[in-house]
PDB file of N, CA and C in Angstrom:
ATOM      1  N   MET A   1       0.806 -15.840 -23.520  1.00  0.00           N
ATOM      2  CA  MET A   1       2.367 -15.910 -23.023  1.00  0.00           C
ATOM      3  C   MET A   1       2.596 -15.213 -23.822  1.00  0.00           C
ATOM      4  N   SER A   2       3.029 -13.964 -23.976  1.00  0.00           N
ATOM      5  CA  SER A   2       4.078 -12.630 -24.582  1.00  0.00           C
ATOM      6  C   SER A   2       5.061 -12.351 -24.146  1.00  0.00           C
ATOM      7  N   SER A   3       6.228 -11.927 -24.824  1.00  0.00           N
ATOM      8  CA  SER A   3       8.291 -12.084 -25.117  1.00  0.00           C
ATOM      9  C   SER A   3       7.821 -10.551 -23.986  1.00  0.00           C
ATOM     10  N   VAL A   4       8.344 -10.563 -22.931  1.00  0.00           N
ATOM     11  CA  VAL A   4       9.251  -9.148 -22.862  1.00  0.00           C
ATOM     12  C   VAL A   4      10.212  -8.846 -22.756  1.00  0.00           C
ATOM     13  N   GLY A   5      11.240  -9.993 -23.376  1.00  0.00           N
ATOM     14  CA  GLY A   5      12.366  -9.781 -23.155  1.00  0.00           C
ATOM     15  C   GLY A   5      12.881 -10.628 -23.135  1.00  0.00           C
ATOM     16  N   ARG A   6      14.040 -10.764 -23.398  1.00  0.00           N
ATOM     17  CA  ARG A   6      15.465 -11.598 -23.551  1.00  0.00           C
ATOM     18  C   ARG A   6      15.318 -12.716 -22.295  1.00  0.00           C
ATOM     19  N   GLY A   7      14.817 -13.850 -23.051  1.00  0.00           N
ATOM     20  CA  GLY A   7      13.999 -15.115 -22.309  1.00  0.00           C
ATOM     21  C   GLY A   7      13.283 -14.420 -21.054  1.00  0.00           C
ATOM     22  N   LYS A   8      12.420 -14.055 -21.680  1.00  0.00           N
ATOM     23  CA  LYS A   8      11.739 -13.320 -20.406  1.00  0.00           C
ATOM     24  C   LYS A   8      10.337 -13.558 -21.359  1.00  0.00           C
ATOM     25  N   PHE A   9       9.090 -14.056 -20.437  1.00  0.00           N
ATOM     26  CA  PHE A   9       7.623 -13.790 -20.581  1.00  0.00           C
ATOM     27  C   PHE A   9       6.534 -13.626 -19.885  1.00  0.00           C
ATOM     28  N   MET A  10       5.477 -12.711 -19.647  1.00  0.00           N
ATOM     29  CA  MET A  10       4.316 -12.638 -19.105  1.00  0.00           C
ATOM     30  C   MET A  10       3.709 -13.701 -19.549  1.00  0.00           C
ATOM     31  N   PHE A  11       3.493 -14.217 -18.185  1.00  0.00           N
ATOM     32  CA  PHE A  11       2.763 -15.666 -17.952  1.00  0.00           C
ATOM     33  C   PHE A  11       1.255 -14.821 -18.329  1.00  0.00           C
ATOM     34  N   GLY A  12       0.748 -14.173 -17.464  1.00  0.00           N
ATOM     35  CA  GLY A  12      -1.034 -13.596 -17.919  1.00  0.00           C
ATOM     36  C   GLY A  12      -1.158 -12.237 -16.302  1.00  0.00           C
ATOM     37  N   ARG A  13      -2.566 -11.933 -16.604  1.00  0.00           N
ATOM     38  CA  ARG A  13      -2.730 -10.473 -15.664  1.00  0.00           C
ATOM     39  C   ARG A  13      -3.618 -11.166 -14.557  1.00  0.00           C
ATOM     40  N   THR A  14      -3.572 -11.353 -13.483  1.00  0.00           N
ATOM     41  CA  THR A  14      -4.740 -11.531 -12.654  1.00  0.00           C
ATOM     42  C   THR A  14      -5.828  -9.948 -12.820  1.00  0.00           C
ATOM     43  N   GLU A  15      -7.339 -10.732 -12.468  1.00  0.00           N
ATOM     44  CA  GLU A  15      -7.964  -9.305 -12.359  1.00  0.00           C
ATOM     45  C   GLU A  15      -7.909  -8.097 -11.690  1.00  0.00           C
ATOM     46  N   VAL A  16      -8.573  -7.089 -12.380  1.00  0.00           N
ATOM     47  CA  VAL A  16      -8.591  -5.594 -11.051  1.00  0.00           C
ATOM     48  C   VAL A  16      -9.622  -5.909 -10.139  1.00  0.00           C
ATOM     49  N   ILE A  17      -9.303  -5.590  -9.176  1.00  0.00           N
ATOM     50  CA  ILE A  17      -9.478  -5.465  -8.289  1.00  0.00           C
ATOM     51  C   ILE A  17      -9.762  -3.905  -7.886  1.00  0.00           C
ATOM     52  N   ASP A  18     -11.371  -3.254  -8.121  1.00  0.00           N
ATOM     53  CA  ASP A  18     -11.099  -1.988  -7.901  1.00  0.00           C
ATOM     54  C   ASP A  18     -11.370  -1.689  -5.837  1.00  0.00           C
ATOM     55  N   ASN A  19     -10.225   0.009  -5.735  1.00  0.00           N
ATOM     56  CA  ASN A  19     -10.396   0.237  -4.550  1.00  0.00           C
ATOM     57  C   ASN A  19     -10.178  -0.345  -3.102  1.00  0.00           C
ATOM     58  N   THR A  20      -9.085  -1.238  -3.487  1.00  0.00           N
ATOM     59  CA  THR A  20      -8.985  -1.714  -2.024  1.00  0.00           C
ATOM     60  C   THR A  20      -7.754  -2.018  -1.841  1.00  0.00           C
ATOM     61  N   LEU A  21      -7.483  -1.652  -0.668  1.00  0.00           N
ATOM     62  CA  LEU A  21      -5.437  -2.050  -0.147  1.00  0.00           C
ATOM     63  C   LEU A  21      -4.912  -3.382  -0.088  1.00  0.00           C
ATOM     64  N   ASN A  22      -6.175  -4.266   0.270  1.00  0.00           N
ATOM     65  CA  ASN A  22      -5.740  -5.927   0.385  1.00  0.00           C
ATOM     66  C   ASN A  22      -6.519  -6.179  -0.472  1.00  0.00           C
ATOM     67  N   PRO A  23      -6.394  -6.322  -1.637  1.00  0.00           N
ATOM     68  CA  PRO A  23      -7.396  -7.455  -2.579  1.00  0.00           C
ATOM     69  C   PRO A  23      -7.195  -8.815  -2.885  1.00  0.00           C
ATOM     70  N   ASP A  24      -8.187  -9.332  -3.115  1.00  0.00           N
ATOM     71  CA  ASP A  24      -8.539 -11.142  -2.805  1.00  0.00           C
ATOM     72  C   ASP A  24      -8.233 -11.395  -4.092  1.00  0.00           C
ATOM     73  N   PHE A  25      -7.514 -11.898  -4.821  1.00  0.00           N
ATOM     74  CA  PHE A  25      -7.318 -12.233  -6.134  1.00  0.00           C
ATOM     75  C   PHE A  25      -7.766 -13.684  -6.290  1.00  0.00           C
ATOM     76  N   VAL A  26      -8.789 -13.957  -7.316  1.00  0.00           N
ATOM     77  CA  VAL A  26      -9.705 -15.232  -7.583  1.00  0.00           C
ATOM     78  C   VAL A  26      -8.846 -15.906  -9.068  1.00  0.00           C
ATOM     79  N   ARG A  27      -7.969 -15.455  -9.620  1.00  0.00           N
ATOM     80  CA  ARG A  27      -7.226 -16.480 -10.669  1.00  0.00           C
ATOM     81  C   ARG A  27      -6.393 -16.843 -10.442  1.00  0.00           C
ATOM     82  N   LYS A  28      -5.807 -18.578 -11.052  1.00  0.00           N
ATOM     83  CA  LYS A  28      -5.016 -18.531 -10.563  1.00  0.00           C
ATOM     84  C   LYS A  28      -4.306 -19.056 -11.918  1.00  0.00           C
ATOM     85  N   TYR A  29      -3.360 -19.229 -11.825  1.00  0.00           N
ATOM     86  CA  TYR A  29      -1.935 -19.818 -12.769  1.00  0.00           C
ATOM     87  C   TYR A  29      -1.320 -21.089 -12.427  1.00  0.00           C
ATOM     88  N   ILE A  30      -1.607 -22.294 -13.165  1.00  0.00           N
ATOM     89  CA  ILE A  30      -1.079 -23.364 -13.445  1.00  0.00           C
ATOM     90  C   ILE A  30       0.254 -23.388 -13.349  1.00  0.00           C
ATOM     91  N   LEU A  31       1.323 -23.738 -13.515  1.00  0.00           N
ATOM     92  CA  LEU A  31       3.006 -23.752 -14.262  1.00  0.00           C
ATOM     93  C   LEU A  31       3.166 -24.946 -13.945  1.00  0.00           C
ATOM     94  N   ASP A  32       4.032 -25.650 -14.533  1.00  0.00           N
ATOM     95  CA  ASP A  32       4.844 -27.041 -14.549  1.00  0.00           C
ATOM     96  C   ASP A  32       6.187 -26.360 -13.336  1.00  0.00           C
ATOM     97  N   TYR A  33       5.863 -27.393 -12.857  1.00  0.00           N
ATOM     98  CA  TYR A  33       7.136 -27.301 -11.580  1.00  0.00           C
ATOM     99  C   TYR A  33       8.331 -28.271 -11.720  1.00  0.00           C
ATOM    100  N   PHE A  34       9.765 -28.147 -11.767  1.00  0.00           N
ATOM    101  CA  PHE A  34      10.785 -29.083 -12.289  1.00  0.00           C
ATOM    102  C   PHE A  34      11.345 -28.709 -11.082  1.00  0.00           C
ATOM    103  N   PHE A  35      10.941 -29.614 -10.178  1.00  0.00           N
ATOM    104  CA  PHE A  35      11.918 -30.139  -8.789  1.00  0.00           C
ATOM    105  C   PHE A  35      13.717 -29.501  -9.084  1.00  0.00           C
ATOM    106  N   GLU A  36      14.619 -29.677 -10.071  1.00  0.00           N
ATOM    107  CA  GLU A  36      15.723 -29.917  -9.919  1.00  0.00           C
ATOM    108  C   GLU A  36      15.919 -28.765 -10.786  1.00  0.00           C
ATOM    109  N   GLU A  37      15.171 -27.697 -11.256  1.00  0.00           N
ATOM    110  CA  GLU A  37      15.545 -26.496 -11.727  1.00  0.00           C
ATOM    111  C   GLU A  37      14.693 -24.997 -11.418  1.00  0.00           C
ATOM    112  N   LYS A  38      16.038 -23.832 -11.626  1.00  0.00           N
ATOM    113  CA  LYS A  38      15.347 -23.174 -10.644  1.00  0.00           C
ATOM    114  C   LYS A  38      14.217 -22.058 -11.660  1.00  0.00           C
ATOM    115  N   GLN A  39      13.640 -21.736 -10.952  1.00  0.00           N
ATOM    116  CA  GLN A  39      11.964 -21.604 -12.297  1.00  0.00           C
ATOM    117  C   GLN A  39      12.152 -20.135 -11.036  1.00  0.00           C
ATOM    118  N   SER A  40      12.937 -18.820 -11.862  1.00  0.00           N
ATOM    119  CA  SER A  40      12.345 -17.657 -11.235  1.00  0.00           C
ATOM    120  C   SER A  40      11.459 -16.688 -11.775  1.00  0.00           C
ATOM    121  N   LEU A  41      10.686 -16.373 -10.331  1.00  0.00           N
ATOM    122  CA  LEU A  41       9.296 -15.669 -11.395  1.00  0.00           C
ATOM    123  C   LEU A  41       9.331 -13.899 -10.382  1.00  0.00           C
ATOM    124  N   ARG A  42       8.645 -13.495 -11.425  1.00  0.00           N
ATOM    125  CA  ARG A  42       8.474 -11.570 -10.757  1.00  0.00           C
ATOM    126  C   ARG A  42       7.660 -11.214 -10.229  1.00  0.00           C
ATOM    127  N   PHE A  43       6.936 -10.521  -9.917  1.00  0.00           N
ATOM    128  CA  PHE A  43       5.419 -10.063 -10.436  1.00  0.00           C
ATOM    129  C   PHE A  43       5.922  -8.836  -9.498  1.00  0.00           C
ATOM    130  N   ASP A  44       4.895  -8.087 -10.538  1.00  0.00           N
ATOM    131  CA  ASP A  44       4.612  -6.616 -11.124  1.00  0.00           C
ATOM    132  C   ASP A  44       3.477  -6.092 -10.692  1.00  0.00           C
ATOM    133  N   VAL A  45       3.250  -4.930  -9.669  1.00  0.00           N
ATOM    134  CA  VAL A  45       1.951  -4.290  -8.757  1.00  0.00           C
ATOM    135  C   VAL A  45       1.605  -3.281  -9.757  1.00  0.00           C
ATOM    136  N   TYR A  46       0.581  -3.050 -10.182  1.00  0.00           N
ATOM    137  CA  TYR A  46       0.406  -1.426 -10.808  1.00  0.00           C
ATOM    138  C   TYR A  46      -1.370  -1.184  -9.669  1.00  0.00           C
ATOM    139  N   ASP A  47      -0.877   0.052  -9.457  1.00  0.00           N
ATOM    140  CA  ASP A  47      -2.216   0.563  -9.295  1.00  0.00           C
ATOM    141  C   ASP A  47      -3.112   1.199 -11.091  1.00  0.00           C
ATOM    142  N   ILE A  48      -4.028   0.338 -11.242  1.00  0.00           N
ATOM    143  CA  ILE A  48      -5.125   0.810 -12.288  1.00  0.00           C
ATOM    144  C   ILE A  48      -6.279   1.133 -11.898  1.00  0.00           C
ATOM    145  N   ASP A  49      -6.097   2.277 -12.735  1.00  0.00           N
ATOM    146  CA  ASP A  49      -7.255   3.535 -12.772  1.00  0.00           C
ATOM    147  C   ASP A  49      -7.365   3.966 -14.016  1.00  0.00           C
ATOM    148  N   SER A  50      -8.031   3.958 -15.037  1.00  0.00           N
ATOM    149  CA  SER A  50      -8.616   3.214 -16.206  1.00  0.00           C
ATOM    150  C   SER A  50      -8.575   1.941 -16.838  1.00  0.00           C
ATOM    151  N   LYS A  51      -9.240   1.929 -18.209  1.00  0.00           N
ATOM    152  CA  LYS A  51      -9.626   0.626 -19.171  1.00  0.00           C
ATOM    153  C   LYS A  51      -8.604   0.062 -19.759  1.00  0.00           C
ATOM    154  N   SER A  52      -7.163   1.257 -19.767  1.00  0.00           N
ATOM    155  CA  SER A  52      -5.691   1.044 -20.532  1.00  0.00           C
ATOM    156  C   SER A  52      -5.439  -0.214 -20.240  1.00  0.00           C
ATOM    157  N   PRO A  53      -5.263  -1.377 -21.096  1.00  0.00           N
ATOM    158  CA  PRO A  53      -4.111  -2.227 -21.355  1.00  0.00           C
ATOM    159  C   PRO A  53      -3.052  -2.259 -20.964  1.00  0.00           C
ATOM    160  N   ASP A  54      -2.946  -0.858 -21.285  1.00  0.00           N
ATOM    161  CA  ASP A  54      -1.363  -0.420 -21.523  1.00  0.00           C
ATOM    162  C   ASP A  54      -0.551   0.008 -20.033  1.00  0.00           C
ATOM    163  N   LEU A  55       0.618  -0.930 -19.586  1.00  0.00           N
ATOM    164  CA  LEU A  55       0.791  -0.904 -17.668  1.00  0.00           C
ATOM    165  C   LEU A  55       1.513   0.633 -18.254  1.00  0.00           C
ATOM    166  N   ALA A  56       1.798   1.109 -19.062  1.00  0.00           N
ATOM    167  CA  ALA A  56       3.001   2.336 -19.027  1.00  0.00           C
ATOM    168  C   ALA A  56       2.019   3.599 -19.073  1.00  0.00           C
ATOM    169  N   LYS A  57       0.328   3.526 -18.947  1.00  0.00           N
ATOM    170  CA  LYS A  57      -0.682   4.623 -18.612  1.00  0.00           C
ATOM    171  C   LYS A  57      -0.975   4.484 -16.767  1.00  0.00           C
ATOM    172  N   HIS A  58      -0.339   3.282 -16.526  1.00  0.00           N
ATOM    173  CA  HIS A  58      -0.533   3.159 -14.716  1.00  0.00           C
ATOM    174  C   HIS A  58       0.182   3.267 -13.626  1.00  0.00           C
ATOM    175  N   ASP A  59       0.004   3.469 -12.506  1.00  0.00           N
ATOM    176  CA  ASP A  59       0.958   3.584 -11.685  1.00  0.00           C
ATOM    177  C   ASP A  59       1.922   2.584 -10.942  1.00  0.00           C
ATOM    178  N   PHE A  60       3.042   2.198 -11.392  1.00  0.00           N
ATOM    179  CA  PHE A  60       4.093   1.103 -10.468  1.00  0.00           C
ATOM    180  C   PHE A  60       4.240   0.994  -9.111  1.00  0.00           C
ATOM    181  N   LEU A  61       3.640   0.284  -9.109  1.00  0.00           N
ATOM    182  CA  LEU A  61       3.698   0.561  -7.092  1.00  0.00           C
ATOM    183  C   LEU A  61       4.674  -0.833  -6.926  1.00  0.00           C
ATOM    184  N   GLY A  62       5.370  -1.202  -7.172  1.00  0.00           N
ATOM    185  CA  GLY A  62       6.672  -2.405  -7.103  1.00  0.00           C
ATOM    186  C   GLY A  62       6.498  -3.598  -7.402  1.00  0.00           C
ATOM    187  N   GLN A  63       7.359  -4.817  -7.478  1.00  0.00           N
ATOM    188  CA  GLN A  63       7.947  -5.474  -8.013  1.00  0.00           C
ATOM    189  C   GLN A  63       8.220  -6.558  -6.694  1.00  0.00           C
ATOM    190  N   VAL A  64       7.802  -8.115  -7.239  1.00  0.00           N
ATOM    191  CA  VAL A  64       9.228  -9.161  -6.423  1.00  0.00           C
ATOM    192  C   VAL A  64       9.116 -10.681  -6.691  1.00  0.00           C
ATOM    193  N   TYR A  65      10.394 -10.660  -6.610  1.00  0.00           N
ATOM    194  CA  TYR A  65      10.961 -11.667  -7.122  1.00  0.00           C
ATOM    195  C   TYR A  65      11.363 -12.769  -6.444  1.00  0.00           C
ATOM    196  N   CYS A  66      10.698 -14.318  -6.859  1.00  0.00           N
ATOM    197  CA  CYS A  66      10.600 -15.498  -6.013  1.00  0.00           C
ATOM    198  C   CYS A  66      10.911 -16.669  -7.110  1.00  0.00           C
ATOM    199  N   THR A  67      10.716 -17.919  -6.278  1.00  0.00           N
ATOM    200  CA  THR A  67      11.645 -18.812  -7.680  1.00  0.00           C
ATOM    201  C   THR A  67       9.744 -19.733  -7.511  1.00  0.00           C
ATOM    202  N   LEU A  68      10.013 -20.827  -8.292  1.00  0.00           N
ATOM    203  CA  LEU A  68       8.449 -21.330  -7.810  1.00  0.00           C
ATOM    204  C   LEU A  68       8.630 -22.115  -6.923  1.00  0.00           C
ATOM    205  N   GLY A  69       9.616 -22.643  -6.516  1.00  0.00           N
ATOM    206  CA  GLY A  69      10.313 -23.481  -5.968  1.00  0.00           C
ATOM    207  C   GLY A  69      10.094 -22.787  -4.084  1.00  0.00           C
ATOM    208  N   GLU A  70      10.241 -21.513  -4.266  1.00  0.00           N
ATOM    209  CA  GLU A  70       9.809 -20.760  -2.772  1.00  0.00           C
ATOM    210  C   GLU A  70       8.557 -21.011  -2.330  1.00  0.00           C
ATOM    211  N   ILE A  71       7.699 -20.772  -3.697  1.00  0.00           N
ATOM    212  CA  ILE A  71       6.003 -20.603  -3.422  1.00  0.00           C
ATOM    213  C   ILE A  71       5.719 -22.398  -3.041  1.00  0.00           C
ATOM    214  N   VAL A  72       5.885 -23.395  -3.692  1.00  0.00           N
ATOM    215  CA  VAL A  72       5.438 -24.602  -3.557  1.00  0.00           C
ATOM    216  C   VAL A  72       6.129 -25.219  -2.039  1.00  0.00           C
ATOM    217  N   GLY A  73       6.790 -25.063  -1.697  1.00  0.00           N
ATOM    218  CA  GLY A  73       7.761 -25.303  -0.456  1.00  0.00           C
ATOM    219  C   GLY A  73       7.101 -24.291   0.915  1.00  0.00           C
ATOM    220  N   SER A  74       5.904 -22.786   0.276  1.00  0.00           N
ATOM    221  CA  SER A  74       6.080 -21.943   1.644  1.00  0.00           C
ATOM    222  C   SER A  74       4.525 -23.363   1.891  1.00  0.00           C
ATOM    223  N   PRO A  75       4.269 -23.302   3.094  1.00  0.00           N
ATOM    224  CA  PRO A  75       2.893 -23.528   3.584  1.00  0.00           C
ATOM    225  C   PRO A  75       1.716 -22.788   3.289  1.00  0.00           C
ATOM    226  N   ALA A  76       0.873 -24.567   2.598  1.00  0.00           N
ATOM    227  CA  ALA A  76      -0.346 -24.202   2.020  1.00  0.00           C
ATOM    228  C   ALA A  76       0.051 -23.730   0.372  1.00  0.00           C
ATOM    229  N   SER A  77       1.605 -23.702   0.153  1.00  0.00           N
ATOM    230  CA  SER A  77       1.881 -23.149  -1.035  1.00  0.00           C
ATOM    231  C   SER A  77       1.033 -21.524  -1.508  1.00  0.00           C
ATOM    232  N   ARG A  78       1.633 -20.704  -0.650  1.00  0.00           N
ATOM    233  CA  ARG A  78       0.665 -19.745  -0.239  1.00  0.00           C
ATOM    234  C   ARG A  78       2.200 -18.729   0.178  1.00  0.00           C
ATOM    235  N   LEU A  79       3.064 -17.806  -0.270  1.00  0.00           N
ATOM    236  CA  LEU A  79       4.042 -16.892  -0.281  1.00  0.00           C
ATOM    237  C   LEU A  79       3.734 -15.289  -0.110  1.00  0.00           C
ATOM    238  N   GLU A  80       4.026 -14.807   1.308  1.00  0.00           N
ATOM    239  CA  GLU A  80       3.754 -13.544   1.536  1.00  0.00           C
ATOM    240  C   GLU A  80       4.980 -12.994   1.229  1.00  0.00           C
ATOM    241  N   LYS A  81       5.132 -11.400   0.656  1.00  0.00           N
ATOM    242  CA  LYS A  81       6.978 -11.242   0.435  1.00  0.00           C
ATOM    243  C   LYS A  81       5.998  -9.333   0.352  1.00  0.00           C
ATOM    244  N   GLN A  82       7.379  -8.455   0.949  1.00  0.00           N
ATOM    245  CA  GLN A  82       7.425  -6.961   0.877  1.00  0.00           C
ATOM    246  C   GLN A  82       7.659  -6.713  -0.714  1.00  0.00           C
ATOM    247  N   LEU A  83       6.964  -5.811  -1.457  1.00  0.00           N
ATOM    248  CA  LEU A  83       7.006  -5.433  -2.656  1.00  0.00           C
ATOM    249  C   LEU A  83       8.495  -5.103  -2.214  1.00  0.00           C
TER     250      LEU A  83
END
């Protein structure tokens, strides 16, 4: 986990899926869920075209915000949102 700003942390990155509009990610993340606490999440999506780990060198496609409670409360803990 690395700090990306005041009170914010990057929890992890998924694997890179080459040349597809509908990626099927395999890597899973385990987060502690606290029922009475709002746990905000932000997902950033990039088009990765090189081996560089620096996200500034890649095309930013968009982001989505949600809470961990929204994911946990969704059918099969699967939440879909538009970027």
